[in-house]
N, C-alpha and C. Protein backbone atom coordinates (compact mmCIF):
# COMPACT_ATOMS: atom_id res chain seq x y z
N MET A 1 0.47 -1.22 -0.02
CA MET A 1 -0.34 -0.26 -0.04
C MET A 1 1.09 1.21 0.21
N GLN A 2 2.16 1.68 1.45
CA GLN A 2 3.06 2.05 1.15
C GLN A 2 3.47 2.48 -0.15
N TYR A 3 3.88 1.15 -1.10
CA TYR A 3 4.68 1.06 -2.62
C TYR A 3 3.47 2.04 -2.98
N ARG A 4 2.66 1.78 -3.22
CA ARG A 4 1.36 2.50 -4.16
C ARG A 4 1.44 3.93 -3.91
N LEU A 5 1.84 4.78 -2.42
CA LEU A 5 1.53 5.63 -2.55
C LEU A 5 3.01 6.26 -3.20
N LEU A 6 3.79 5.87 -2.46
CA LEU A 6 4.90 6.21 -3.34
C LEU A 6 5.02 7.01 -4.88
N LEU A 7 5.22 5.12 -5.08
CA LEU A 7 4.70 5.15 -6.98
C LEU A 7 3.88 6.37 -7.64
N THR A 8 2.64 6.76 -7.21
CA THR A 8 1.94 7.62 -7.52
C THR A 8 2.64 8.75 -7.34
N SER A 9 2.70 9.11 -5.93
CA SER A 9 3.20 10.50 -6.23
C SER A 9 4.72 10.86 -6.96
N ILE A 10 5.93 9.97 -7.22
CA ILE A 10 6.29 9.54 -8.24
C ILE A 10 5.98 9.99 -9.34
N LEU A 11 5.39 9.18 -9.67
CA LEU A 11 5.14 9.32 -11.76
C LEU A 11 4.32 10.80 -11.61
N THR A 12 3.74 11.29 -10.98
CA THR A 12 2.98 12.41 -10.63
C THR A 12 3.81 13.71 -11.01
N THR A 13 4.81 14.07 -9.93
CA THR A 13 5.63 14.99 -10.22
C THR A 13 6.56 14.01 -10.90
N SER A 14 7.06 13.21 -12.09
CA SER A 14 7.65 13.17 -13.03
C SER A 14 7.07 12.99 -14.24
N LEU A 15 5.55 13.67 -14.27
CA LEU A 15 5.18 13.74 -15.18
C LEU A 15 4.68 15.34 -15.35
N LEU A 16 4.65 15.94 -14.30
CA LEU A 16 4.68 17.10 -13.70
C LEU A 16 6.38 18.57 -14.21
N ALA A 17 7.37 17.35 -14.13
CA ALA A 17 8.50 17.66 -14.61
C ALA A 17 9.23 17.45 -16.23
N ALA A 18 8.31 16.22 -16.81
CA ALA A 18 8.53 16.42 -18.02
C ALA A 18 7.65 17.05 -18.97
N ALA A 19 6.31 17.13 -18.39
CA ALA A 19 5.80 18.66 -19.36
C ALA A 19 5.88 19.88 -18.59
N GLY A 20 6.66 20.06 -18.11
CA GLY A 20 7.90 21.57 -17.42
C GLY A 20 6.61 22.53 -17.07
N CYS A 21 4.92 22.02 -16.22
CA CYS A 21 4.20 22.70 -16.08
C CYS A 21 4.56 23.92 -14.55
N SER A 22 3.66 24.58 -14.55
CA SER A 22 3.69 25.44 -13.52
C SER A 22 3.01 25.57 -12.43
N THR A 23 3.34 25.58 -11.60
CA THR A 23 2.45 25.17 -10.89
C THR A 23 0.85 25.66 -10.59
N THR A 24 0.23 24.83 -10.76
CA THR A 24 -1.33 24.46 -10.91
C THR A 24 -2.18 24.62 -9.54
N THR A 25 -2.66 25.98 -9.85
CA THR A 25 -3.51 25.95 -8.55
C THR A 25 -5.38 25.80 -8.58
N VAL A 26 -5.85 25.83 -7.40
CA VAL A 26 -7.66 25.93 -7.88
C VAL A 26 -8.56 25.89 -8.71
N ALA A 27 -8.04 27.27 -8.92
CA ALA A 27 -8.74 28.13 -9.76
C ALA A 27 -8.22 27.58 -10.92
N ASP A 28 -7.07 27.18 -11.80
CA ASP A 28 -6.78 26.60 -12.70
C ASP A 28 -7.33 25.25 -13.22
N LEU A 29 -7.84 24.37 -12.03
CA LEU A 29 -8.16 22.86 -11.98
C LEU A 29 -9.83 23.46 -12.48
N GLN A 30 -10.60 24.40 -11.55
CA GLN A 30 -11.87 24.64 -11.01
C GLN A 30 -12.24 25.16 -12.77
N GLN A 31 -11.11 25.59 -14.21
CA GLN A 31 -11.62 26.57 -14.90
C GLN A 31 -11.47 25.50 -16.36
N ARG A 32 -11.37 23.78 -15.82
CA ARG A 32 -11.13 22.60 -16.54
C ARG A 32 -12.47 21.74 -16.18
N ALA A 33 -13.45 21.06 -17.38
CA ALA A 33 -14.63 20.61 -17.16
C ALA A 33 -14.11 19.62 -16.09
N PRO A 34 -15.40 19.14 -15.33
CA PRO A 34 -15.15 17.75 -15.17
C PRO A 34 -14.68 16.38 -15.47
N ARG A 35 -13.81 15.84 -14.42
CA ARG A 35 -13.20 14.38 -15.10
C ARG A 35 -14.80 13.96 -14.73
N GLU A 36 -15.77 13.81 -14.30
CA GLU A 36 -16.51 13.16 -13.79
C GLU A 36 -17.81 13.66 -12.61
N VAL A 37 -18.73 13.38 -12.59
CA VAL A 37 -19.14 14.05 -12.14
C VAL A 37 -20.48 13.51 -11.67
N TYR A 38 -20.86 13.38 -9.83
CA TYR A 38 -21.74 11.96 -9.17
C TYR A 38 -22.76 12.69 -8.31
N LYS A 39 -23.62 12.14 -8.88
CA LYS A 39 -24.74 12.20 -7.49
C LYS A 39 -24.59 11.37 -6.52
N THR A 40 -24.71 12.26 -4.64
CA THR A 40 -25.59 12.51 -4.05
C THR A 40 -25.79 12.47 -3.00
N ASP A 41 -26.66 12.36 -2.43
CA ASP A 41 -27.77 12.12 -1.35
C ASP A 41 -26.92 12.24 -0.03
N LYS A 42 -25.92 12.18 0.14
CA LYS A 42 -24.85 12.02 1.45
C LYS A 42 -24.16 13.54 2.31
N PRO A 43 -24.31 13.94 3.36
CA PRO A 43 -23.88 15.39 3.71
C PRO A 43 -22.37 15.74 2.96
N THR A 44 -21.96 16.77 2.71
CA THR A 44 -21.38 17.18 1.91
C THR A 44 -20.35 16.39 2.87
N ASP A 45 -20.27 17.19 4.34
CA ASP A 45 -19.26 16.65 5.68
C ASP A 45 -18.68 15.32 5.65
N GLU A 46 -19.94 14.36 5.92
CA GLU A 46 -19.17 13.04 5.48
C GLU A 46 -18.53 12.75 4.67
N VAL A 47 -18.94 12.85 3.20
CA VAL A 47 -18.44 12.85 2.39
C VAL A 47 -16.68 13.35 2.08
N THR A 48 -16.82 14.27 2.52
CA THR A 48 -15.39 15.37 2.50
C THR A 48 -14.54 14.29 3.09
N ARG A 49 -14.85 14.16 4.70
CA ARG A 49 -14.61 13.17 5.55
C ARG A 49 -13.54 11.82 4.16
N CYS A 50 -14.65 11.52 4.22
CA CYS A 50 -14.14 9.47 3.78
C CYS A 50 -12.77 10.15 2.07
N LEU A 51 -13.12 11.20 1.56
CA LEU A 51 -12.43 11.50 0.70
C LEU A 51 -11.20 11.49 0.88
N ILE A 52 -10.95 12.47 2.26
CA ILE A 52 -9.73 12.72 2.93
C ILE A 52 -9.35 11.81 3.58
N GLU A 53 -10.00 10.54 3.46
CA GLU A 53 -8.99 9.50 4.44
C GLU A 53 -8.51 8.44 3.20
N ASN A 54 -9.87 8.66 2.25
CA ASN A 54 -9.17 7.55 1.01
C ASN A 54 -8.09 8.01 -0.02
N LEU A 55 -8.11 9.32 -0.16
CA LEU A 55 -7.47 10.08 -1.40
C LEU A 55 -6.78 11.07 0.10
N GLY A 56 -6.13 10.63 1.21
CA GLY A 56 -4.78 11.55 1.39
C GLY A 56 -3.48 11.32 0.37
N ARG A 57 -2.76 10.95 -0.10
CA ARG A 57 -1.99 10.47 -1.13
C ARG A 57 -2.11 11.18 -1.80
N LEU A 58 -3.17 12.09 -2.60
CA LEU A 58 -2.62 13.11 -3.39
C LEU A 58 -2.53 14.81 -2.90
N GLY A 59 -2.21 14.36 -1.71
CA GLY A 59 -1.66 15.72 -1.02
C GLY A 59 -2.65 16.11 -0.09
N ALA A 60 -1.94 17.17 0.29
CA ALA A 60 -2.50 17.74 2.08
C ALA A 60 -3.83 18.40 1.44
N PRO A 61 -4.57 18.03 2.17
CA PRO A 61 -5.89 18.48 2.10
C PRO A 61 -6.53 19.73 2.41
N ASN A 62 -7.81 20.42 1.59
CA ASN A 62 -7.69 21.31 2.24
C ASN A 62 -9.84 22.52 1.57
N ILE A 63 -10.21 22.91 2.49
CA ILE A 63 -11.47 22.77 2.57
C ILE A 63 -11.77 24.71 1.96
N ILE A 64 -12.67 24.48 1.22
CA ILE A 64 -13.08 25.99 0.77
C ILE A 64 -14.55 26.06 1.69
N LYS A 65 -14.78 26.71 2.15
CA LYS A 65 -16.49 26.88 1.75
C LYS A 65 -17.07 28.24 1.38
N ARG A 66 -17.66 28.22 0.23
CA ARG A 66 -17.59 29.23 -1.01
C ARG A 66 -19.06 30.25 -0.20
N PRO A 67 -19.64 31.48 -0.72
CA PRO A 67 -20.29 31.76 0.10
C PRO A 67 -21.96 31.55 -0.87
N ASP A 68 -21.37 31.12 -2.26
CA ASP A 68 -23.08 30.28 -3.15
C ASP A 68 -23.20 29.45 -2.11
N GLY A 69 -22.82 28.65 -1.49
CA GLY A 69 -23.08 27.61 -0.93
C GLY A 69 -22.26 26.11 -1.10
N THR A 70 -21.37 26.38 -2.42
CA THR A 70 -20.45 25.66 -2.76
C THR A 70 -19.80 24.92 -1.52
N THR A 71 -19.20 23.88 -1.96
CA THR A 71 -17.50 23.53 -1.12
C THR A 71 -16.52 22.33 -1.49
N VAL A 72 -15.60 23.16 -1.68
CA VAL A 72 -14.18 22.62 -2.32
C VAL A 72 -13.14 22.33 -1.05
N LEU A 73 -13.15 20.95 -1.81
CA LEU A 73 -12.32 19.98 -1.57
C LEU A 73 -11.34 20.09 -2.14
N HIS A 74 -9.56 20.24 -1.96
CA HIS A 74 -9.06 20.38 -2.80
C HIS A 74 -7.78 19.96 -2.33
N PHE A 75 -6.51 19.01 -2.87
CA PHE A 75 -5.74 18.09 -2.49
C PHE A 75 -4.46 19.42 -3.22
N THR A 76 -3.05 19.29 -2.20
CA THR A 76 -2.07 19.83 -3.07
C THR A 76 -0.90 18.68 -2.26
N LEU A 77 -0.10 19.24 -3.95
CA LEU A 77 0.98 18.31 -3.84
C LEU A 77 2.12 18.33 -4.72
N GLU A 78 3.28 18.65 -3.06
CA GLU A 78 4.40 19.42 -3.45
C GLU A 78 4.10 21.17 -4.80
N ASN A 79 3.54 21.54 -4.27
CA ASN A 79 2.75 22.83 -4.97
C ASN A 79 1.99 23.07 -6.43
N ASP A 80 1.31 22.01 -6.84
CA ASP A 80 0.29 21.80 -7.30
C ASP A 80 -0.79 21.14 -6.49
N THR A 81 -2.36 21.39 -7.10
CA THR A 81 -3.25 21.09 -6.20
C THR A 81 -3.63 19.72 -7.46
N SER A 82 -3.50 19.10 -7.27
CA SER A 82 -3.56 17.49 -8.19
C SER A 82 -5.34 17.09 -8.22
N ALA A 83 -6.21 17.63 -7.85
CA ALA A 83 -7.55 17.22 -7.65
C ALA A 83 -8.61 18.27 -6.78
N THR A 84 -9.53 18.55 -6.97
CA THR A 84 -10.11 19.02 -6.22
C THR A 84 -12.18 18.31 -6.55
N PHE A 85 -12.47 19.28 -5.85
CA PHE A 85 -14.04 17.66 -5.41
C PHE A 85 -15.17 19.63 -5.33
N THR A 86 -15.41 19.52 -6.08
CA THR A 86 -16.66 20.08 -5.89
C THR A 86 -18.06 20.32 -5.55
N PHE A 87 -18.70 20.52 -4.54
CA PHE A 87 -20.36 19.66 -3.83
C PHE A 87 -21.06 21.28 -4.11
N SER A 88 -21.69 20.83 -4.29
CA SER A 88 -22.87 21.28 -4.54
C SER A 88 -24.34 20.81 -4.18
N PRO A 89 -25.63 21.32 -4.38
CA PRO A 89 -27.18 20.26 -3.33
C PRO A 89 -26.45 18.83 -4.37
N GLY A 90 -26.44 18.13 -3.80
CA GLY A 90 -27.04 16.42 -4.58
C GLY A 90 -25.75 16.07 -5.70
N GLN A 91 -24.74 16.30 -5.62
CA GLN A 91 -23.31 16.49 -6.69
C GLN A 91 -22.78 17.08 -6.31
N VAL A 92 -21.74 15.90 -6.62
CA VAL A 92 -19.98 16.48 -6.76
C VAL A 92 -19.21 16.06 -8.45
N GLU A 93 -18.76 17.15 -8.19
CA GLU A 93 -18.39 17.25 -9.19
C GLU A 93 -16.41 17.22 -9.31
N VAL A 94 -15.47 16.12 -10.18
CA VAL A 94 -14.48 15.79 -9.50
C VAL A 94 -13.12 16.60 -10.70
N ARG A 95 -12.00 16.93 -10.56
CA ARG A 95 -10.79 17.95 -11.99
C ARG A 95 -9.64 16.96 -11.31
N THR A 96 -9.54 16.62 -11.88
CA THR A 96 -7.48 15.95 -11.55
C THR A 96 -7.21 16.71 -12.55
N ILE A 97 -5.49 17.24 -12.21
CA ILE A 97 -4.03 17.35 -12.78
C ILE A 97 -4.44 16.49 -13.41
N SER A 98 -4.34 15.48 -13.78
CA SER A 98 -3.99 14.72 -15.00
C SER A 98 -4.73 13.53 -14.71
N ARG A 99 -4.79 12.80 -15.88
CA ARG A 99 -5.82 11.00 -16.04
C ARG A 99 -5.38 10.33 -15.35
N ILE A 100 -3.59 9.86 -14.33
CA ILE A 100 -3.73 9.22 -13.69
C ILE A 100 -3.80 9.59 -12.86
N VAL A 101 -4.63 10.56 -12.34
CA VAL A 101 -4.56 10.94 -10.95
C VAL A 101 -5.30 9.69 -10.29
N PRO A 102 -5.40 9.12 -9.35
CA PRO A 102 -6.10 7.26 -9.14
C PRO A 102 -7.01 8.03 -8.02
N PHE A 103 -8.54 7.97 -9.40
CA PHE A 103 -10.00 8.86 -7.98
C PHE A 103 -11.64 8.18 -7.37
N ARG A 104 -11.43 7.76 -8.70
CA ARG A 104 -12.93 7.08 -9.05
C ARG A 104 -13.26 5.99 -7.95
N LYS A 105 -12.76 4.85 -8.01
CA LYS A 105 -13.01 3.77 -7.03
C LYS A 105 -13.13 4.11 -5.83
N ARG A 106 -12.06 5.27 -4.74
CA ARG A 106 -12.02 5.43 -3.14
C ARG A 106 -13.22 6.63 -3.36
N THR A 107 -13.09 7.19 -4.66
CA THR A 107 -14.22 8.68 -4.93
C THR A 107 -16.14 7.61 -4.67
N GLU A 108 -15.75 7.30 -5.64
CA GLU A 108 -17.21 6.37 -4.72
C GLU A 108 -17.66 5.71 -4.43
N ALA A 109 -16.97 4.83 -4.08
CA ALA A 109 -17.10 4.94 -2.02
C ALA A 109 -17.74 5.37 -1.17
N CYS A 110 -16.90 6.68 -0.65
CA CYS A 110 -17.66 7.75 -0.13
C CYS A 110 -19.47 7.92 -0.30
N LEU A 111 -19.57 8.00 -1.56
CA LEU A 111 -20.63 8.40 -1.56
C LEU A 111 -21.59 7.41 -1.82
């Protein structure tokens, strides 16, 4: 399990370096189309806690509660935002820095 964490971190860092990417921010990812949109009836706080527990290897988690009522959970790995989860009533939008960021199975387990 820890080997997979290390491997994911190394792959993500290597891809960013190879692509010559600059720092990716939450705003950068929020401008991209979602990779997935999930429906959920669970409370945002419950899903957020589960995602933090299950996806911690994507980086340090941060939560932004917006005035419009949406909540954004984002993970930052080595100064780059690797994934964002935007919660609005009844749904979660997922955006990731790369297609190799593994999130589907663990996200679906939280919903």
